[in-house]
Amino acid sequence: MKDVVSTRVKLSIFAVGLLSFTGILIETSMNVTFPTLTKVLNVSLGTVQWLTTGYLLLTTVVMSTTAYILKKFNPRRIFVFAATLCLIGSIICMAAPNFPILMSGRLLQAVATGLSTPLMFNLIFLEVPQSKLGLYTGLAGVVISLAPALGPMYGGIINRVWTWREIFVGVIPLIVILFLIGYFSIQGKAPGTKGISFDYGSVIGLAIIFSMILFTFDQAGVHGWTSLNFIGWLIISIAVIGIFSWYNRRSSRQLIDFSILKLPVLRLRLFSYFSLQFINIGLSFVLPIFAQTALKVDSAQAGLMLLPGSLLGAVVGPFAGYLYDKKGALIPLLFSGSLITIGSALFWFKSESLTLTSITLIYLILRIGFNFGFGTSLSDGSMQVQGPKKSDQNSLFSMMQQYAGSLGTNVLSVVISAAALTSGTKNTVYNTILGTKIDFIVLTVLSLSVLISVIYVYFRYEKKNN
């Protein structure tokens, strides 16, 4: 039957999806081990943070290449390569005697995640019938959104009961099982890259741009928003982005076909997709810091307060996809934009009187909104392009959602640091509350922008076609 998804396809998506889940889980679980690693490996906190920063940057850059890679290599070959790198990286990290070797293992895992996440969506777009696209994209969204919430809990428990090395021990058997499932279930042929040359210049350019943007915001956290350091690097970053745009328009080679951004609906769905992940990962960083600093709770309580929202959000994700399949994009995206705006605004207005219970409840509202819109934005974005351009759309969306998480953590942490510079006091609790309140204002404005973009698309494009 045309609308039936075969067991083979389900297993192939399951294998690639769980490989992506494993990569993201390890990434976020390592964050809670940083204080331990600084002592065990005898490095500074600034150095050990590159385990996350370097991982996210390399994952983003690898994702930028997948539009070409998905056309060049068969899906099974890509999966085998990614799973092998993830396994080797996990073994290296497990046995690492020092920081450089641990970092090298993490970078191998970054390449694996950078390949597996776009591959997961590519299998969905190519092998799942259009009538079930929203449902399966919603399930894939659960993989991306649930792992960051479970990671700190997994890492914290393992690190408390055993050591940080067991974080990697625990995933090695899973990777081997996924390798076997994927090897025997993943099929398909690459469409080929005839007439397309790989653009090494664009890869280098994107790596420089992504790094410079993060470094620029770091300057605000160290020197303030009005400092010459921040303003100077901001100007340089804008100039580099301009040069890259000029190069990309004139280059005969192709990394990603950025011309798809000329499609207005796709462009606005990408904005929603990016913004939702910015809010999701940013809050998963800010709220535990706020709870531990202002409310004086321990790390376990701070991590567990996000769990109800994450679990409920994971449940509603597939339902949102089903709703998209039956009713279209408007209802789930309108519901999503409304809830994330309400949730962000509640955090803002109650920032000085938040409790562990109120954070849990407000985060519950916000996560339902996130999961209603995250997969739907991707599904509707994929419907705007056809044929080989789906690989470009998939790569672009995967790359930007990955970078959104990195940028969200970076920007919101910088806001807190900058607030401490300008507050005129060294009271850590006061500075954290002040900085977090500004973060909530930023997220409220961003959430409202997402809601407005949904309404604009409907009245400007979709209503005319109905």
Protein backbone atom coordinates (compact mmCIF):
# COMPACT_ATOMS: atom_id res chain seq x y z
CA MET A 1 0.00 0.00 0.00
CA LYS A 2 1.23 3.44 -0.96
CA ASP A 3 0.84 5.09 2.46
CA VAL A 4 2.31 2.20 4.49
CA VAL A 5 5.83 2.62 5.87
CA SER A 6 7.65 -0.71 5.68
CA THR A 7 9.40 -2.32 8.62
CA ARG A 8 12.73 -1.91 6.81
CA VAL A 9 12.24 1.85 6.50
CA LYS A 10 11.17 2.11 10.14
CA LEU A 11 14.30 0.23 11.25
CA SER A 12 16.57 2.38 9.09
CA ILE A 13 15.13 5.60 10.53
CA PHE A 14 15.30 4.09 14.02
CA ALA A 15 19.00 3.20 13.65
CA VAL A 16 20.08 6.57 12.27
CA GLY A 17 17.83 8.47 14.68
CA LEU A 18 19.21 6.72 17.76
CA LEU A 19 22.76 7.29 16.52
CA SER A 20 21.98 11.02 16.41
CA PHE A 21 20.32 10.77 19.82
CA THR A 22 23.45 9.11 21.23
CA GLY A 23 25.71 11.86 19.90
CA ILE A 24 23.56 14.65 21.33
CA LEU A 25 23.12 12.79 24.63
CA ILE A 26 26.87 12.46 25.11
CA GLU A 27 27.40 16.12 24.21
CA THR A 28 25.00 17.43 26.86
CA SER A 29 25.92 14.81 29.47
CA MET A 30 29.55 15.96 29.37
CA ASN A 31 28.58 19.48 30.48
CA VAL A 32 27.93 18.38 34.07
CA THR A 33 31.36 16.73 34.28
CA PHE A 34 33.37 19.88 33.59
CA PRO A 35 34.23 20.63 37.25
CA THR A 36 35.47 17.04 37.61
CA LEU A 37 37.43 17.11 34.34
CA THR A 38 39.28 20.30 35.28
CA LYS A 39 40.72 18.48 38.30
CA VAL A 40 41.27 15.07 36.73
CA LEU A 41 42.87 16.37 33.51
CA ASN A 42 44.51 19.41 35.16
CA VAL A 43 43.10 21.98 32.73
CA SER A 44 41.16 25.22 33.17
CA LEU A 45 37.39 25.51 32.80
CA GLY A 46 37.95 27.69 29.72
CA THR A 47 39.93 24.86 28.14
CA VAL A 48 37.58 22.04 29.05
CA GLN A 49 34.59 23.94 27.64
CA TRP A 50 36.03 23.31 24.17
CA LEU A 51 34.74 19.75 24.56
CA THR A 52 31.31 21.28 23.90
CA THR A 53 32.20 24.37 21.87
CA GLY A 54 34.54 22.51 19.52
CA TYR A 55 32.08 19.65 19.19
CA LEU A 56 29.20 21.96 18.26
CA LEU A 57 31.27 23.95 15.78
CA LEU A 58 32.58 20.89 13.96
CA THR A 59 29.12 19.28 13.91
CA THR A 60 27.71 22.45 12.35
CA VAL A 61 30.45 22.59 9.70
CA VAL A 62 30.01 18.90 8.84
CA MET A 63 26.27 19.43 8.47
CA SER A 64 26.98 22.19 5.97
CA THR A 65 28.65 19.60 3.71
CA THR A 66 25.85 17.04 3.78
CA ALA A 67 23.90 18.55 0.85
CA TYR A 68 26.82 17.38 -1.31
CA ILE A 69 27.60 14.20 0.66
CA LEU A 70 23.99 12.94 0.52
CA LYS A 71 24.10 13.31 -3.27
CA LYS A 72 27.57 11.76 -3.59
CA PHE A 73 27.40 8.68 -1.34
CA ASN A 74 24.77 5.99 -0.73
CA PRO A 75 22.89 6.25 2.60
CA ARG A 76 24.25 2.96 3.97
CA ARG A 77 27.83 4.01 3.30
CA ILE A 78 27.30 7.31 5.12
CA PHE A 79 25.71 5.53 8.08
CA VAL A 80 28.48 2.93 8.36
CA PHE A 81 31.11 5.68 8.31
CA ALA A 82 29.24 7.76 10.93
CA ALA A 83 28.60 4.80 13.26
CA THR A 84 32.23 3.67 12.99
CA LEU A 85 33.49 7.15 13.87
CA CYS A 86 31.09 7.36 16.82
CA LEU A 87 32.28 3.98 18.12
CA ILE A 88 35.98 4.80 17.69
CA GLY A 89 35.45 8.23 19.26
CA SER A 90 33.67 6.71 22.26
CA ILE A 91 36.49 4.21 22.84
CA ILE A 92 39.11 6.96 22.60
CA CYS A 93 37.18 9.16 25.06
CA MET A 94 36.65 6.28 27.47
CA ALA A 95 40.39 5.57 27.66
CA ALA A 96 41.70 9.15 27.21
CA PRO A 97 44.64 9.85 29.57
CA ASN A 98 44.70 13.60 28.86
CA PHE A 99 42.69 16.45 27.40
CA PRO A 100 44.06 16.46 23.81
CA ILE A 101 43.17 12.78 23.32
CA LEU A 102 39.73 13.28 24.90
CA MET A 103 39.20 16.22 22.55
CA SER A 104 40.19 14.16 19.52
CA GLY A 105 37.61 11.52 20.45
CA ARG A 106 34.92 14.17 20.86
CA LEU A 107 35.74 15.59 17.41
CA LEU A 108 35.28 12.15 15.82
CA GLN A 109 31.88 11.95 17.50
CA ALA A 110 31.08 15.44 16.18
CA VAL A 111 31.63 14.26 12.61
CA ALA A 112 29.37 11.26 13.29
CA THR A 113 26.52 13.43 14.62
CA GLY A 114 27.01 15.94 11.81
CA LEU A 115 26.40 13.15 9.28
CA SER A 116 23.72 11.11 11.06
CA THR A 117 21.24 13.89 11.82
CA PRO A 118 20.81 15.10 8.20
CA LEU A 119 20.82 11.45 7.06
CA MET A 120 17.91 10.71 9.40
CA PHE A 121 15.80 13.48 7.88
CA ASN A 122 16.91 12.58 4.36
CA LEU A 123 15.63 9.02 4.83
CA ILE A 124 12.32 10.40 6.07
CA PHE A 125 11.93 12.83 3.16
CA LEU A 126 12.80 10.17 0.58
CA GLU A 127 11.12 7.02 1.93
CA VAL A 128 8.14 8.16 3.99
CA PRO A 129 4.93 8.97 2.04
CA GLN A 130 3.81 12.58 2.12
CA SER A 131 0.68 11.69 4.09
CA LYS A 132 2.86 10.56 7.03
CA LEU A 133 5.68 13.08 6.66
CA GLY A 134 4.59 15.24 9.60
CA LEU A 135 4.29 12.27 11.95
CA TYR A 136 7.77 10.95 11.20
CA THR A 137 9.35 14.40 11.23
CA GLY A 138 7.72 14.95 14.62
CA LEU A 139 9.25 11.71 15.88
CA ALA A 140 12.64 12.82 14.54
CA GLY A 141 12.19 16.14 16.32
CA VAL A 142 11.81 14.20 19.57
CA VAL A 143 15.30 12.76 19.00
CA ILE A 144 16.81 16.22 18.70
CA SER A 145 14.86 17.88 21.49
CA LEU A 146 14.75 15.12 24.13
CA ALA A 147 18.45 14.22 24.15
CA PRO A 148 19.62 17.65 25.47
CA ALA A 149 17.18 17.35 28.37
CA LEU A 150 18.15 13.78 29.30
CA GLY A 151 21.89 14.33 28.82
CA PRO A 152 22.60 16.28 32.05
CA MET A 153 20.61 13.76 34.07
CA TYR A 154 22.42 10.80 32.48
CA GLY A 155 25.84 12.43 32.89
CA GLY A 156 25.14 13.57 36.45
CA ILE A 157 24.00 10.14 37.64
CA ILE A 158 26.85 8.27 35.92
CA ASN A 159 29.45 10.75 37.17
CA ARG A 160 28.10 10.51 40.73
CA VAL A 161 27.82 6.71 40.87
CA TRP A 162 30.93 5.83 38.82
CA THR A 163 33.22 8.19 36.87
CA TRP A 164 32.88 10.34 33.75
CA ARG A 165 34.44 7.54 31.65
CA GLU A 166 31.37 5.34 32.14
CA ILE A 167 29.34 7.89 30.14
CA PHE A 168 31.08 6.44 27.08
CA VAL A 169 31.06 2.85 28.32
CA GLY A 170 27.28 2.96 28.52
CA VAL A 171 26.77 3.92 24.86
CA ILE A 172 29.29 1.56 23.20
CA PRO A 173 26.99 -1.54 23.17
CA LEU A 174 24.15 0.64 21.83
CA ILE A 175 26.31 1.93 18.96
CA VAL A 176 27.27 -1.65 17.99
CA ILE A 177 23.59 -2.71 17.94
CA LEU A 178 22.60 0.34 15.90
CA PHE A 179 25.43 -0.37 13.45
CA LEU A 180 24.05 -3.86 12.77
CA ILE A 181 20.43 -2.68 12.45
CA GLY A 182 21.39 0.16 10.11
CA TYR A 183 23.69 -1.96 7.97
CA PHE A 184 20.95 -4.45 7.13
CA SER A 185 18.01 -2.01 6.87
CA ILE A 186 19.33 1.12 5.15
CA GLN A 187 19.03 1.07 1.37
CA GLY A 188 18.89 3.56 -1.45
CA LYS A 189 21.14 5.11 -4.05
CA ALA A 190 22.72 8.54 -4.08
CA PRO A 191 21.35 10.75 -6.89
CA GLY A 192 24.91 11.63 -7.95
CA THR A 193 26.90 14.84 -8.20
CA LYS A 194 27.36 15.11 -11.95
CA GLY A 195 28.18 18.70 -12.79
CA ILE A 196 28.58 19.65 -9.11
CA SER A 197 31.99 20.31 -7.55
CA PHE A 198 32.58 20.31 -3.82
CA ASP A 199 33.17 23.84 -2.55
CA TYR A 200 36.06 23.70 -0.07
CA GLY A 201 36.13 27.50 0.09
CA SER A 202 32.58 27.62 1.43
CA VAL A 203 33.36 25.05 4.13
CA ILE A 204 36.30 27.13 5.34
CA GLY A 205 34.23 30.31 5.07
CA LEU A 206 31.35 28.93 7.12
CA ALA A 207 33.75 27.60 9.78
CA ILE A 208 35.33 31.05 10.08
CA ILE A 209 31.95 32.82 10.21
CA PHE A 210 30.47 30.50 12.84
CA SER A 211 33.59 30.81 15.01
CA MET A 212 33.79 34.58 14.63
CA ILE A 213 30.16 35.11 15.64
CA LEU A 214 30.66 33.12 18.85
CA PHE A 215 33.93 34.93 19.56
CA THR A 216 32.28 38.31 18.93
CA PHE A 217 29.57 37.68 21.51
CA ASP A 218 32.21 36.43 23.94
CA GLN A 219 33.78 39.89 23.76
CA ALA A 220 30.53 41.41 25.02
CA GLY A 221 30.57 39.05 27.99
CA VAL A 222 34.14 39.99 28.86
CA HIS A 223 34.24 43.69 27.97
CA GLY A 224 30.57 44.79 27.67
CA TRP A 225 28.19 45.52 24.82
CA THR A 226 29.55 49.04 24.22
CA SER A 227 33.22 48.05 24.28
CA LEU A 228 35.49 48.56 21.29
CA ASN A 229 36.33 44.85 21.40
CA PHE A 230 32.71 43.84 20.80
CA ILE A 231 31.90 46.58 18.28
CA GLY A 232 35.14 46.01 16.37
CA TRP A 233 34.66 42.26 16.07
CA LEU A 234 31.00 42.80 15.17
CA ILE A 235 32.02 44.98 12.23
CA ILE A 236 34.65 42.45 11.15
CA SER A 237 32.10 39.60 11.39
CA ILE A 238 29.58 41.49 9.25
CA ALA A 239 32.29 42.24 6.69
CA VAL A 240 33.32 38.56 6.53
CA ILE A 241 29.66 37.50 6.10
CA GLY A 242 29.39 40.01 3.25
CA ILE A 243 32.51 38.62 1.57
CA PHE A 244 31.19 35.07 1.94
CA SER A 245 27.85 36.07 0.37
CA TRP A 246 29.68 37.69 -2.54
CA TYR A 247 31.83 34.58 -3.01
CA ASN A 248 28.87 32.21 -2.81
CA ARG A 249 26.92 34.12 -5.48
CA ARG A 250 29.83 34.03 -7.90
CA SER A 251 31.34 30.61 -7.22
CA SER A 252 30.80 27.91 -9.82
CA ARG A 253 31.10 25.28 -7.08
CA GLN A 254 28.36 24.43 -4.65
CA LEU A 255 28.23 23.47 -0.97
CA ILE A 256 24.58 24.28 -0.34
CA ASP A 257 22.26 25.76 -2.93
CA PHE A 258 21.44 28.92 -0.99
CA SER A 259 19.14 30.01 -3.80
CA ILE A 260 16.38 28.03 -2.07
CA LEU A 261 16.28 30.87 0.47
CA LYS A 262 14.62 32.95 -2.22
CA LEU A 263 11.50 30.92 -1.46
CA PRO A 264 9.74 33.11 1.14
CA VAL A 265 7.84 30.37 2.98
CA LEU A 266 10.96 28.21 3.27
CA ARG A 267 12.93 31.21 4.54
CA LEU A 268 10.38 31.95 7.26
CA ARG A 269 10.07 28.30 8.27
CA LEU A 270 13.85 28.21 8.65
CA PHE A 271 13.60 31.29 10.89
CA SER A 272 11.04 29.49 13.07
CA TYR A 273 13.11 26.30 13.15
CA PHE A 274 16.27 28.17 14.11
CA SER A 275 14.52 30.34 16.72
CA LEU A 276 12.79 27.41 18.41
CA GLN A 277 16.08 25.56 18.83
CA PHE A 278 17.76 28.78 20.04
CA ILE A 279 15.07 29.07 22.72
CA ASN A 280 15.13 25.35 23.57
CA ILE A 281 18.87 24.94 24.10
CA GLY A 282 19.26 28.43 25.55
CA LEU A 283 16.70 27.76 28.27
CA SER A 284 18.18 24.35 29.07
CA PHE A 285 21.37 26.27 29.87
CA VAL A 286 19.92 29.34 31.64
CA LEU A 287 17.28 27.76 33.87
CA PRO A 288 19.60 25.32 35.74
CA ILE A 289 22.09 28.16 36.34
CA PHE A 290 19.28 30.38 37.67
CA ALA A 291 17.94 27.61 39.89
CA GLN A 292 21.34 26.74 41.37
CA THR A 293 22.45 30.35 41.87
CA ALA A 294 19.26 32.18 42.83
CA LEU A 295 17.20 29.37 44.36
CA LYS A 296 20.17 27.50 45.90
CA VAL A 297 19.09 24.06 44.69
CA ASP A 298 21.57 21.33 43.81
CA SER A 299 22.46 20.22 40.28
CA ALA A 300 20.22 17.14 40.45
CA GLN A 301 17.14 19.21 41.34
CA ALA A 302 18.03 21.78 38.67
CA GLY A 303 18.21 19.06 36.04
CA LEU A 304 15.07 17.23 37.13
CA MET A 305 12.90 20.38 37.05
CA LEU A 306 13.19 20.34 33.25
CA LEU A 307 12.33 16.66 32.90
CA PRO A 308 8.49 16.86 33.02
CA GLY A 309 8.41 19.46 30.25
CA SER A 310 10.88 17.51 28.13
CA LEU A 311 8.95 14.24 28.48
CA LEU A 312 5.55 15.80 27.79
CA GLY A 313 7.01 17.71 24.85
CA ALA A 314 8.33 14.46 23.44
CA VAL A 315 4.84 12.95 23.66
CA VAL A 316 3.11 15.83 21.84
CA GLY A 317 5.73 16.02 19.05
CA PRO A 318 4.35 13.09 17.02
CA PHE A 319 0.78 14.33 17.65
CA ALA A 320 1.74 17.71 16.21
CA GLY A 321 3.14 15.89 13.18
CA TYR A 322 -0.10 13.94 12.78
CA LEU A 323 -2.06 17.20 13.03
CA TYR A 324 0.14 18.71 10.32
CA ASP A 325 -0.51 15.72 8.04
CA LYS A 326 -4.29 16.11 8.47
CA LYS A 327 -4.80 19.88 8.78
CA GLY A 328 -1.68 21.57 7.45
CA ALA A 329 0.87 23.85 9.10
CA LEU A 330 -1.26 26.71 10.45
CA ILE A 331 -2.85 25.09 13.52
CA PRO A 332 0.28 23.44 15.03
CA LEU A 333 2.50 26.45 14.24
CA LEU A 334 -0.02 28.96 15.60
CA PHE A 335 -0.38 26.89 18.76
CA SER A 336 3.41 26.63 19.01
CA GLY A 337 4.05 30.34 18.57
CA SER A 338 1.36 31.24 21.11
CA LEU A 339 2.65 28.87 23.80
CA ILE A 340 6.33 29.78 23.48
CA THR A 341 5.41 33.48 23.61
CA ILE A 342 3.24 32.96 26.70
CA GLY A 343 5.92 30.82 28.36
CA SER A 344 8.75 33.26 27.65
CA ALA A 345 6.64 36.20 28.84
CA LEU A 346 5.75 34.38 32.07
CA PHE A 347 9.43 33.75 32.75
CA TRP A 348 10.08 37.46 32.13
CA PHE A 349 7.27 38.82 34.33
CA LYS A 350 7.93 36.37 37.16
CA SER A 351 11.73 36.42 36.93
CA GLU A 352 12.14 37.92 40.42
CA SER A 353 9.68 35.54 42.10
CA LEU A 354 10.33 32.24 40.34
CA THR A 355 10.33 29.04 42.36
CA LEU A 356 11.30 25.50 41.44
CA THR A 357 7.62 24.64 40.96
CA SER A 358 6.80 27.70 38.83
CA ILE A 359 9.84 27.11 36.62
CA THR A 360 8.74 23.49 36.08
CA LEU A 361 5.18 24.52 35.17
CA ILE A 362 6.14 27.39 32.86
CA TYR A 363 8.77 25.24 31.17
CA LEU A 364 6.05 22.63 30.64
CA ILE A 365 4.00 25.19 28.67
CA LEU A 366 6.99 26.30 26.67
CA ARG A 367 8.15 22.80 25.78
CA ILE A 368 4.70 21.82 24.50
CA GLY A 369 4.87 24.89 22.27
CA PHE A 370 8.38 24.02 21.13
CA ASN A 371 7.51 20.47 20.12
CA PHE A 372 4.37 21.56 18.31
CA GLY A 373 6.39 23.85 16.07
CA PHE A 374 9.85 22.30 15.72
CA GLY A 375 9.09 19.30 13.53
CA THR A 376 6.24 21.10 11.76
CA SER A 377 8.55 23.94 10.65
CA LEU A 378 10.92 21.38 9.14
CA SER A 379 8.12 19.38 7.50
CA ASP A 380 6.56 22.44 5.90
CA GLY A 381 9.97 23.74 4.85
CA SER A 382 10.69 20.47 3.08
CA MET A 383 7.44 20.79 1.13
CA GLN A 384 8.69 23.99 -0.51
CA VAL A 385 11.37 22.22 -2.60
CA GLN A 386 11.42 19.17 -4.83
CA GLY A 387 13.96 16.69 -6.19
CA PRO A 388 17.69 17.13 -5.50
CA LYS A 389 17.07 20.45 -3.75
CA LYS A 390 15.62 18.52 -0.81
CA SER A 391 19.19 17.59 0.12
CA ASP A 392 20.10 21.28 0.19
CA GLN A 393 17.06 22.11 2.31
CA ASN A 394 17.80 19.24 4.69
CA SER A 395 21.45 20.23 5.06
CA LEU A 396 20.59 23.90 5.57
CA PHE A 397 17.97 23.22 8.24
CA SER A 398 20.19 20.67 10.05
CA MET A 399 23.15 23.03 10.01
CA MET A 400 21.16 25.99 11.32
CA GLN A 401 19.38 24.06 14.10
CA GLN A 402 22.74 22.81 15.32
CA TYR A 403 24.25 26.28 15.27
CA ALA A 404 21.12 27.71 16.91
CA GLY A 405 21.84 25.60 19.99
CA SER A 406 25.44 26.76 20.13
CA LEU A 407 24.51 30.41 19.57
CA GLY A 408 21.64 30.24 22.06
CA THR A 409 23.91 29.02 24.83
CA ASN A 410 26.58 31.54 23.88
CA VAL A 411 24.36 34.62 23.65
CA LEU A 412 22.30 33.97 26.77
CA SER A 413 25.39 33.23 28.86
CA VAL A 414 27.03 36.40 27.54
CA VAL A 415 23.98 38.45 28.55
CA ILE A 416 24.36 37.23 32.14
CA SER A 417 28.09 37.98 32.12
CA ALA A 418 27.54 41.45 30.63
CA ALA A 419 24.85 42.22 33.22
CA ALA A 420 27.40 41.53 35.95
CA LEU A 421 29.79 44.02 34.33
CA THR A 422 27.24 46.85 34.28
CA SER A 423 25.25 46.22 37.47
CA GLY A 424 27.72 47.97 39.76
CA THR A 425 27.64 45.16 42.32
CA LYS A 426 29.46 41.87 42.84
CA ASN A 427 26.39 40.18 44.27
CA THR A 428 26.26 36.97 42.23
CA VAL A 429 22.61 36.23 42.97
CA TYR A 430 21.48 39.74 41.98
CA ASN A 431 23.56 39.71 38.80
CA THR A 432 22.24 36.29 37.81
CA ILE A 433 18.61 37.34 38.32
CA LEU A 434 19.22 40.58 36.37
CA GLY A 435 20.98 38.82 33.49
CA THR A 436 18.40 36.05 33.36
CA LYS A 437 15.56 38.60 33.24
CA ILE A 438 17.18 40.22 30.19
CA ASP A 439 17.52 36.75 28.66
CA PHE A 440 13.80 36.19 29.15
CA ILE A 441 13.04 39.52 27.46
CA VAL A 442 15.19 38.49 24.48
CA LEU A 443 13.41 35.14 24.26
CA THR A 444 9.98 36.78 24.51
CA VAL A 445 10.76 39.09 21.60
CA LEU A 446 12.11 36.15 19.58
CA SER A 447 9.05 34.02 20.40
CA LEU A 448 6.71 36.82 19.36
CA SER A 449 8.64 37.16 16.10
CA VAL A 450 8.07 33.45 15.41
CA LEU A 451 4.34 33.87 16.03
CA ILE A 452 4.17 36.89 13.73
CA SER A 453 6.01 34.98 10.98
CA VAL A 454 3.42 32.18 11.17
CA ILE A 455 0.53 34.63 10.84
CA TYR A 456 2.30 36.47 8.02
CA VAL A 457 2.87 33.28 5.99
CA TYR A 458 -0.78 32.32 6.32
CA PHE A 459 -2.26 35.64 5.20
CA ARG A 460 0.43 36.44 2.64
CA TYR A 461 0.81 33.05 0.93
CA GLU A 462 -1.35 30.20 2.22
CA LYS A 463 -4.79 31.86 2.42
CA LYS A 464 -4.54 32.94 -1.23
CA ASN A 465 -4.01 29.34 -2.30
CA ASN A 466 -6.96 27.93 -0.35
